[in-house]
Amino acid sequence: MFDAKKLLDQFLGSQVPGAGGTVRDRADQATKLAKDNPLATGAIAAVLLGSKSGRKLAGNAAVLGGLAAIAGLGYQAYKNYQAGKAPTAEPPLKPNAQLPPPPADSAFSTAPVSDDFALALVRAMIAASRADGHIDDVERRHIMDKLSVSGLSADAAAFLEAELANPVDLDAIVAAAKTEEERVEIYTASRLAIEPESRAERGYLDLLAGRLGLADALVDHIEATVSAAKVPA
């Protein structure tokens, strides 16, 4: 079995600058970037998720790792929500800003996170990336062709291929979150994967928030916190 937490790190470590164009173009960029910079294994995510908005996480996300980045942002949003603050837009972070991990004693701590929940976060990101239907059968084949030479393990590649080929199982994604904090992290990961620029994407995130039972004000805090953490690639 592959390491779900490592795969999550690859999803959020870094992304291809200006990753526009076709999937094949993005894949060529991703392969080169991954060879040039070992920390840039998140280039795999740029191939898979498309990075249509040309945005990435600010600062030290590659060092923190995917779990800590998701948990840290979720914690910040949840803390502001619990404090009763108005969910106003946060000022954008600088490209070199430090994203703090959640406190070790909080329910957002990454120490006890299971592989199963890490896998659920990956599934949530893939589901969000598919919300507007931009990954069709042809693009899926192109993606898998490039991932086969990206250094991804055979087990991880097989998992991704199955996730891309099969219908999104929203019930399983929602059921994986056992606590409110985990529900916040599922939504945070999904929002990190995309910029909701289409009705389909916005509709998917709204549906997910409703299925997770997240309060509107809490969702607004997550939206503001994630938006502030993204910078132009």
C-alpha atoms as a PDB file:
ATOM      1  CA  MET A   1       0.000   0.000   0.000  1.00  0.00           C
ATOM      2  CA  PHE A   2       1.283   3.468  -0.808  1.00  0.00           C
ATOM      3  CA  ASP A   3       1.886   6.242   1.735  1.00  0.00           C
ATOM      4  CA  ALA A   4      -1.239   8.439   1.630  1.00  0.00           C
ATOM      5  CA  LYS A   5       0.418  11.166   3.705  1.00  0.00           C
ATOM      6  CA  LYS A   6       3.337  11.383   1.271  1.00  0.00           C
ATOM      7  CA  LEU A   7       0.904  11.609  -1.633  1.00  0.00           C
ATOM      8  CA  LEU A   8      -0.863  14.464   0.146  1.00  0.00           C
ATOM      9  CA  ASP A   9       2.500  16.231   0.498  1.00  0.00           C
ATOM     10  CA  GLN A  10       2.977  15.817  -3.242  1.00  0.00           C
ATOM     11  CA  PHE A  11      -0.414  17.397  -3.838  1.00  0.00           C
ATOM     12  CA  LEU A  12       0.406  20.553  -1.869  1.00  0.00           C
ATOM     13  CA  GLY A  13       4.194  20.807  -1.837  1.00  0.00           C
ATOM     14  CA  SER A  14       4.464  23.135  -4.809  1.00  0.00           C
ATOM     15  CA  GLN A  15       2.919  23.701  -8.194  1.00  0.00           C
ATOM     16  CA  VAL A  16       4.059  24.506 -11.684  1.00  0.00           C
ATOM     17  CA  PRO A  17       4.450  28.262 -12.266  1.00  0.00           C
ATOM     18  CA  GLY A  18       1.959  29.486 -14.840  1.00  0.00           C
ATOM     19  CA  ALA A  19       0.542  26.012 -15.344  1.00  0.00           C
ATOM     20  CA  GLY A  20      -1.795  26.850 -18.167  1.00  0.00           C
ATOM     21  CA  GLY A  21      -2.253  25.184 -21.499  1.00  0.00           C
ATOM     22  CA  THR A  22      -3.097  21.580 -22.167  1.00  0.00           C
ATOM     23  CA  VAL A  23      -2.644  18.703 -19.768  1.00  0.00           C
ATOM     24  CA  ARG A  24       0.248  17.511 -21.936  1.00  0.00           C
ATOM     25  CA  ASP A  25       1.911  20.929 -21.660  1.00  0.00           C
ATOM     26  CA  ARG A  26       1.449  20.933 -17.889  1.00  0.00           C
ATOM     27  CA  ALA A  27       2.804  17.398 -17.679  1.00  0.00           C
ATOM     28  CA  ASP A  28       5.972  18.382 -19.546  1.00  0.00           C
ATOM     29  CA  GLN A  29       6.458  21.307 -17.160  1.00  0.00           C
ATOM     30  CA  ALA A  30       5.785  19.096 -14.161  1.00  0.00           C
ATOM     31  CA  THR A  31       8.279  16.424 -15.206  1.00  0.00           C
ATOM     32  CA  LYS A  32      11.022  18.992 -15.718  1.00  0.00           C
ATOM     33  CA  LEU A  33      10.276  20.776 -12.446  1.00  0.00           C
ATOM     34  CA  ALA A  34      10.288  17.527 -10.484  1.00  0.00           C
ATOM     35  CA  LYS A  35      13.717  16.645 -11.899  1.00  0.00           C
ATOM     36  CA  ASP A  36      15.164  20.099 -11.236  1.00  0.00           C
ATOM     37  CA  ASN A  37      13.874  20.443  -7.672  1.00  0.00           C
ATOM     38  CA  PRO A  38      13.245  17.472  -5.364  1.00  0.00           C
ATOM     39  CA  LEU A  39      10.993  19.655  -3.194  1.00  0.00           C
ATOM     40  CA  ALA A  40       8.777  20.263  -6.205  1.00  0.00           C
ATOM     41  CA  THR A  41       7.161  16.849  -6.232  1.00  0.00           C
ATOM     42  CA  GLY A  42       3.920  18.765  -5.862  1.00  0.00           C
ATOM     43  CA  ALA A  43       4.288  19.203  -9.611  1.00  0.00           C
ATOM     44  CA  ILE A  44       2.369  15.942  -9.748  1.00  0.00           C
ATOM     45  CA  ALA A  45      -0.582  17.826  -8.309  1.00  0.00           C
ATOM     46  CA  ALA A  46      -0.298  20.458 -11.008  1.00  0.00           C
ATOM     47  CA  VAL A  47      -0.657  17.733 -13.622  1.00  0.00           C
ATOM     48  CA  LEU A  48      -3.561  16.099 -11.844  1.00  0.00           C
ATOM     49  CA  LEU A  49      -5.479  19.105 -10.602  1.00  0.00           C
ATOM     50  CA  GLY A  50      -4.681  21.351 -13.513  1.00  0.00           C
ATOM     51  CA  SER A  51      -3.804  24.488 -11.511  1.00  0.00           C
ATOM     52  CA  LYS A  52      -6.162  26.364 -13.813  1.00  0.00           C
ATOM     53  CA  SER A  53      -6.070  29.481 -11.697  1.00  0.00           C
ATOM     54  CA  GLY A  54      -2.264  29.637 -11.686  1.00  0.00           C
ATOM     55  CA  ARG A  55      -2.219  29.967  -7.898  1.00  0.00           C
ATOM     56  CA  LYS A  56      -0.340  28.075  -5.201  1.00  0.00           C
ATOM     57  CA  LEU A  57       0.099  28.088  -1.445  1.00  0.00           C
ATOM     58  CA  ALA A  58       2.321  30.835  -0.098  1.00  0.00           C
ATOM     59  CA  GLY A  59       5.571  30.379   1.737  1.00  0.00           C
ATOM     60  CA  ASN A  60       6.695  27.220   3.467  1.00  0.00           C
ATOM     61  CA  ALA A  61       3.968  24.776   2.401  1.00  0.00           C
ATOM     62  CA  ALA A  62       6.529  22.416   0.861  1.00  0.00           C
ATOM     63  CA  VAL A  63       8.412  22.227   4.172  1.00  0.00           C
ATOM     64  CA  LEU A  64       5.277  21.883   6.288  1.00  0.00           C
ATOM     65  CA  GLY A  65       3.802  19.123   4.183  1.00  0.00           C
ATOM     66  CA  GLY A  66       0.261  18.661   2.976  1.00  0.00           C
ATOM     67  CA  LEU A  67      -1.301  17.524   6.236  1.00  0.00           C
ATOM     68  CA  ALA A  68       0.161  20.372   8.261  1.00  0.00           C
ATOM     69  CA  ALA A  69      -0.814  22.967   5.651  1.00  0.00           C
ATOM     70  CA  ILE A  70      -4.431  21.778   5.564  1.00  0.00           C
ATOM     71  CA  ALA A  71      -4.633  21.446   9.339  1.00  0.00           C
ATOM     72  CA  GLY A  72      -2.978  24.811   9.956  1.00  0.00           C
ATOM     73  CA  LEU A  73      -5.349  26.680   7.670  1.00  0.00           C
ATOM     74  CA  GLY A  74      -8.347  24.803   9.024  1.00  0.00           C
ATOM     75  CA  TYR A  75      -7.279  25.594  12.578  1.00  0.00           C
ATOM     76  CA  GLN A  76      -6.892  29.294  11.824  1.00  0.00           C
ATOM     77  CA  ALA A  77     -10.339  29.495  10.237  1.00  0.00           C
ATOM     78  CA  TYR A  78     -11.950  27.489  13.042  1.00  0.00           C
ATOM     79  CA  LYS A  79     -10.275  29.606  15.733  1.00  0.00           C
ATOM     80  CA  ASN A  80     -11.582  32.823  14.164  1.00  0.00           C
ATOM     81  CA  TYR A  81     -15.041  31.302  13.849  1.00  0.00           C
ATOM     82  CA  GLN A  82     -15.072  30.138  17.487  1.00  0.00           C
ATOM     83  CA  ALA A  83     -13.950  33.595  18.614  1.00  0.00           C
ATOM     84  CA  GLY A  84     -17.014  35.088  16.962  1.00  0.00           C
ATOM     85  CA  LYS A  85     -15.042  37.206  14.517  1.00  0.00           C
ATOM     86  CA  ALA A  86     -16.731  38.431  11.374  1.00  0.00           C
ATOM     87  CA  PRO A  87     -15.703  36.268   8.381  1.00  0.00           C
ATOM     88  CA  THR A  88     -14.202  39.154   6.438  1.00  0.00           C
ATOM     89  CA  ALA A  89     -11.565  38.711   3.743  1.00  0.00           C
ATOM     90  CA  GLU A  90      -8.108  38.157   5.185  1.00  0.00           C
ATOM     91  CA  PRO A  91      -5.216  40.232   3.791  1.00  0.00           C
ATOM     92  CA  PRO A  92      -3.205  38.148   1.278  1.00  0.00           C
ATOM     93  CA  LEU A  93      -0.075  36.488   2.591  1.00  0.00           C
ATOM     94  CA  LYS A  94       3.271  37.412   1.090  1.00  0.00           C
ATOM     95  CA  PRO A  95       4.860  34.755  -1.161  1.00  0.00           C
ATOM     96  CA  ASN A  96       7.498  34.011   1.491  1.00  0.00           C
ATOM     97  CA  ALA A  97       5.052  34.008   4.426  1.00  0.00           C
ATOM     98  CA  GLN A  98       5.286  31.282   7.013  1.00  0.00           C
ATOM     99  CA  LEU A  99       2.161  29.135   7.315  1.00  0.00           C
ATOM    100  CA  PRO A 100       2.075  28.004  10.961  1.00  0.00           C
ATOM    101  CA  PRO A 101       1.136  24.398  11.733  1.00  0.00           C
ATOM    102  CA  PRO A 102      -1.686  23.860  14.224  1.00  0.00           C
ATOM    103  CA  PRO A 103      -0.750  23.749  17.932  1.00  0.00           C
ATOM    104  CA  ALA A 104       0.241  20.287  19.114  1.00  0.00           C
ATOM    105  CA  ASP A 105      -2.503  20.283  21.745  1.00  0.00           C
ATOM    106  CA  SER A 106      -5.338  21.184  19.365  1.00  0.00           C
ATOM    107  CA  ALA A 107      -7.769  18.787  17.704  1.00  0.00           C
ATOM    108  CA  PHE A 108      -6.181  19.836  14.408  1.00  0.00           C
ATOM    109  CA  SER A 109      -2.808  18.366  15.370  1.00  0.00           C
ATOM    110  CA  THR A 110      -1.405  16.152  12.618  1.00  0.00           C
ATOM    111  CA  ALA A 111       0.270  13.722  15.031  1.00  0.00           C
ATOM    112  CA  PRO A 112      -2.623  11.242  15.337  1.00  0.00           C
ATOM    113  CA  VAL A 113      -3.876  11.503  11.739  1.00  0.00           C
ATOM    114  CA  SER A 114      -4.446   8.081  10.219  1.00  0.00           C
ATOM    115  CA  ASP A 115      -3.531   7.004   6.708  1.00  0.00           C
ATOM    116  CA  ASP A 116      -7.239   6.460   6.076  1.00  0.00           C
ATOM    117  CA  PHE A 117      -8.053  10.101   6.801  1.00  0.00           C
ATOM    118  CA  ALA A 118      -5.060  11.307   4.773  1.00  0.00           C
ATOM    119  CA  LEU A 119      -6.450   9.230   1.917  1.00  0.00           C
ATOM    120  CA  ALA A 120      -9.858  10.863   2.405  1.00  0.00           C
ATOM    121  CA  LEU A 121      -8.230  14.282   2.075  1.00  0.00           C
ATOM    122  CA  VAL A 122      -6.605  13.219  -1.206  1.00  0.00           C
ATOM    123  CA  ARG A 123      -9.979  11.914  -2.428  1.00  0.00           C
ATOM    124  CA  ALA A 124     -11.617  15.195  -1.435  1.00  0.00           C
ATOM    125  CA  MET A 125      -9.086  17.164  -3.481  1.00  0.00           C
ATOM    126  CA  ILE A 126      -9.541  14.928  -6.527  1.00  0.00           C
ATOM    127  CA  ALA A 127     -13.337  15.168  -6.255  1.00  0.00           C
ATOM    128  CA  ALA A 128     -13.160  18.968  -6.124  1.00  0.00           C
ATOM    129  CA  SER A 129     -10.828  19.054  -9.116  1.00  0.00           C
ATOM    130  CA  ARG A 130     -13.362  17.043 -11.109  1.00  0.00           C
ATOM    131  CA  ALA A 131     -16.325  19.253 -10.207  1.00  0.00           C
ATOM    132  CA  ASP A 132     -16.330  21.181 -13.492  1.00  0.00           C
ATOM    133  CA  GLY A 133     -15.730  18.072 -15.602  1.00  0.00           C
ATOM    134  CA  HIS A 134     -12.387  19.248 -16.986  1.00  0.00           C
ATOM    135  CA  ILE A 135     -10.777  15.821 -16.506  1.00  0.00           C
ATOM    136  CA  ASP A 136     -12.322  13.760 -19.289  1.00  0.00           C
ATOM    137  CA  ASP A 137     -11.271  10.319 -20.562  1.00  0.00           C
ATOM    138  CA  VAL A 138      -8.685  11.723 -22.961  1.00  0.00           C
ATOM    139  CA  GLU A 139      -7.103  13.951 -20.322  1.00  0.00           C
ATOM    140  CA  ARG A 140      -7.149  11.091 -17.825  1.00  0.00           C
ATOM    141  CA  ARG A 141      -5.076   8.955 -20.209  1.00  0.00           C
ATOM    142  CA  HIS A 142      -2.627  11.809 -20.746  1.00  0.00           C
ATOM    143  CA  ILE A 143      -2.334  12.315 -16.997  1.00  0.00           C
ATOM    144  CA  MET A 144      -1.632   8.647 -16.336  1.00  0.00           C
ATOM    145  CA  ASP A 145       0.925   8.501 -19.167  1.00  0.00           C
ATOM    146  CA  LYS A 146       2.898  11.289 -17.555  1.00  0.00           C
ATOM    147  CA  LEU A 147       2.449  10.073 -13.978  1.00  0.00           C
ATOM    148  CA  SER A 148       3.949   6.741 -15.045  1.00  0.00           C
ATOM    149  CA  VAL A 149       7.330   8.488 -15.472  1.00  0.00           C
ATOM    150  CA  SER A 150       6.969  10.965 -12.601  1.00  0.00           C
ATOM    151  CA  GLY A 151       8.412   8.745  -9.887  1.00  0.00           C
ATOM    152  CA  LEU A 152       5.024   8.024  -8.310  1.00  0.00           C
ATOM    153  CA  SER A 153       4.774   4.515  -6.899  1.00  0.00           C
ATOM    154  CA  ALA A 154       2.789   1.940  -8.849  1.00  0.00           C
ATOM    155  CA  ASP A 155       0.260   1.603  -6.014  1.00  0.00           C
ATOM    156  CA  ALA A 156      -0.268   5.370  -5.807  1.00  0.00           C
ATOM    157  CA  ALA A 157      -0.617   5.661  -9.579  1.00  0.00           C
ATOM    158  CA  ALA A 158      -3.171   2.830  -9.602  1.00  0.00           C
ATOM    159  CA  PHE A 159      -5.138   4.561  -6.856  1.00  0.00           C
ATOM    160  CA  LEU A 160      -5.169   7.863  -8.741  1.00  0.00           C
ATOM    161  CA  GLU A 161      -6.211   6.172 -11.971  1.00  0.00           C
ATOM    162  CA  ALA A 162      -9.130   4.484 -10.197  1.00  0.00           C
ATOM    163  CA  GLU A 163     -10.181   7.745  -8.544  1.00  0.00           C
ATOM    164  CA  LEU A 164     -10.172   9.520 -11.894  1.00  0.00           C
ATOM    165  CA  ALA A 165     -12.061   6.729 -13.658  1.00  0.00           C
ATOM    166  CA  ASN A 166     -14.775   6.024 -11.095  1.00  0.00           C
ATOM    167  CA  PRO A 167     -17.679   8.269 -10.074  1.00  0.00           C
ATOM    168  CA  VAL A 168     -16.994  10.581  -7.143  1.00  0.00           C
ATOM    169  CA  ASP A 169     -18.092   8.899  -3.903  1.00  0.00           C
ATOM    170  CA  LEU A 170     -19.162  11.927  -1.893  1.00  0.00           C
ATOM    171  CA  ASP A 171     -20.777   9.715   0.747  1.00  0.00           C
ATOM    172  CA  ALA A 172     -17.418   8.078   1.516  1.00  0.00           C
ATOM    173  CA  ILE A 173     -15.611  11.420   1.644  1.00  0.00           C
ATOM    174  CA  VAL A 174     -18.142  12.861   4.080  1.00  0.00           C
ATOM    175  CA  ALA A 175     -18.253   9.690   6.206  1.00  0.00           C
ATOM    176  CA  ALA A 176     -14.455   9.762   6.656  1.00  0.00           C
ATOM    177  CA  ALA A 177     -14.751  12.878   8.827  1.00  0.00           C
ATOM    178  CA  LYS A 178     -15.653  11.801  12.369  1.00  0.00           C
ATOM    179  CA  THR A 179     -15.252  15.152  14.155  1.00  0.00           C
ATOM    180  CA  GLU A 180     -16.061  18.758  13.356  1.00  0.00           C
ATOM    181  CA  GLU A 181     -12.352  19.477  13.007  1.00  0.00           C
ATOM    182  CA  GLU A 182     -11.996  16.704  10.429  1.00  0.00           C
ATOM    183  CA  ARG A 183     -15.017  18.066   8.568  1.00  0.00           C
ATOM    184  CA  VAL A 184     -13.290  21.449   8.471  1.00  0.00           C
ATOM    185  CA  GLU A 185     -10.151  19.805   7.070  1.00  0.00           C
ATOM    186  CA  ILE A 186     -12.094  17.969   4.350  1.00  0.00           C
ATOM    187  CA  TYR A 187     -13.604  21.256   3.185  1.00  0.00           C
ATOM    188  CA  THR A 188     -10.271  23.091   3.510  1.00  0.00           C
ATOM    189  CA  ALA A 189      -8.498  20.479   1.363  1.00  0.00           C
ATOM    190  CA  SER A 190     -11.259  20.675  -1.246  1.00  0.00           C
ATOM    191  CA  ARG A 191     -11.083  24.463  -1.360  1.00  0.00           C
ATOM    192  CA  LEU A 192      -7.292  24.346  -1.661  1.00  0.00           C
ATOM    193  CA  ALA A 193      -7.605  22.134  -4.739  1.00  0.00           C
ATOM    194  CA  ILE A 194      -9.599  24.632  -6.796  1.00  0.00           C
ATOM    195  CA  GLU A 195     -10.559  28.229  -7.339  1.00  0.00           C
ATOM    196  CA  PRO A 196     -14.386  28.118  -7.639  1.00  0.00           C
ATOM    197  CA  GLU A 197     -14.566  30.064 -10.886  1.00  0.00           C
ATOM    198  CA  SER A 198     -17.470  28.152 -12.408  1.00  0.00           C
ATOM    199  CA  ARG A 199     -20.993  27.466 -11.189  1.00  0.00           C
ATOM    200  CA  ALA A 200     -20.205  23.761 -11.109  1.00  0.00           C
ATOM    201  CA  GLU A 201     -17.224  24.274  -8.792  1.00  0.00           C
ATOM    202  CA  ARG A 202     -19.065  26.687  -6.519  1.00  0.00           C
ATOM    203  CA  GLY A 203     -22.064  24.388  -6.477  1.00  0.00           C
ATOM    204  CA  TYR A 204     -19.894  21.422  -5.544  1.00  0.00           C
ATOM    205  CA  LEU A 205     -18.282  23.264  -2.629  1.00  0.00           C
ATOM    206  CA  ASP A 206     -21.690  24.427  -1.401  1.00  0.00           C
ATOM    207  CA  LEU A 207     -23.001  20.866  -1.608  1.00  0.00           C
ATOM    208  CA  LEU A 208     -19.953  19.558   0.247  1.00  0.00           C
ATOM    209  CA  ALA A 209     -20.316  22.150   3.004  1.00  0.00           C
ATOM    210  CA  GLY A 210     -23.974  21.207   3.422  1.00  0.00           C
ATOM    211  CA  ARG A 211     -23.224  17.489   3.524  1.00  0.00           C
ATOM    212  CA  LEU A 212     -20.495  18.099   6.108  1.00  0.00           C
ATOM    213  CA  GLY A 213     -22.896  20.148   8.214  1.00  0.00           C
ATOM    214  CA  LEU A 214     -20.624  23.187   8.368  1.00  0.00           C
ATOM    215  CA  ALA A 215     -22.148  26.474   9.466  1.00  0.00           C
ATOM    216  CA  ASP A 216     -22.247  29.182   6.807  1.00  0.00           C
ATOM    217  CA  ALA A 217     -20.090  31.494   8.917  1.00  0.00           C
ATOM    218  CA  LEU A 218     -17.483  28.754   9.391  1.00  0.00           C
ATOM    219  CA  VAL A 219     -17.396  28.118   5.642  1.00  0.00           C
ATOM    220  CA  ASP A 220     -16.908  31.839   5.077  1.00  0.00           C
ATOM    221  CA  HIS A 221     -13.931  31.790   7.456  1.00  0.00           C
ATOM    222  CA  ILE A 222     -12.377  28.849   5.613  1.00  0.00           C
ATOM    223  CA  GLU A 223     -12.904  30.590   2.279  1.00  0.00           C
ATOM    224  CA  ALA A 224     -11.230  33.777   3.544  1.00  0.00           C
ATOM    225  CA  THR A 225      -8.308  31.916   5.138  1.00  0.00           C
ATOM    226  CA  VAL A 226      -7.574  29.765   2.073  1.00  0.00           C
ATOM    227  CA  SER A 227      -7.903  32.710  -0.301  1.00  0.00           C
ATOM    228  CA  ALA A 228      -5.381  34.674   1.734  1.00  0.00           C
ATOM    229  CA  ALA A 229      -2.932  31.753   1.680  1.00  0.00           C
ATOM    230  CA  LYS A 230      -2.844  31.488  -2.114  1.00  0.00           C
ATOM    231  CA  VAL A 231      -0.515  33.591  -4.238  1.00  0.00           C
ATOM    232  CA  PRO A 232       0.112  33.761  -8.004  1.00  0.00           C
ATOM    233  CA  ALA A 233       2.251  30.845  -9.164  1.00  0.00           C
END
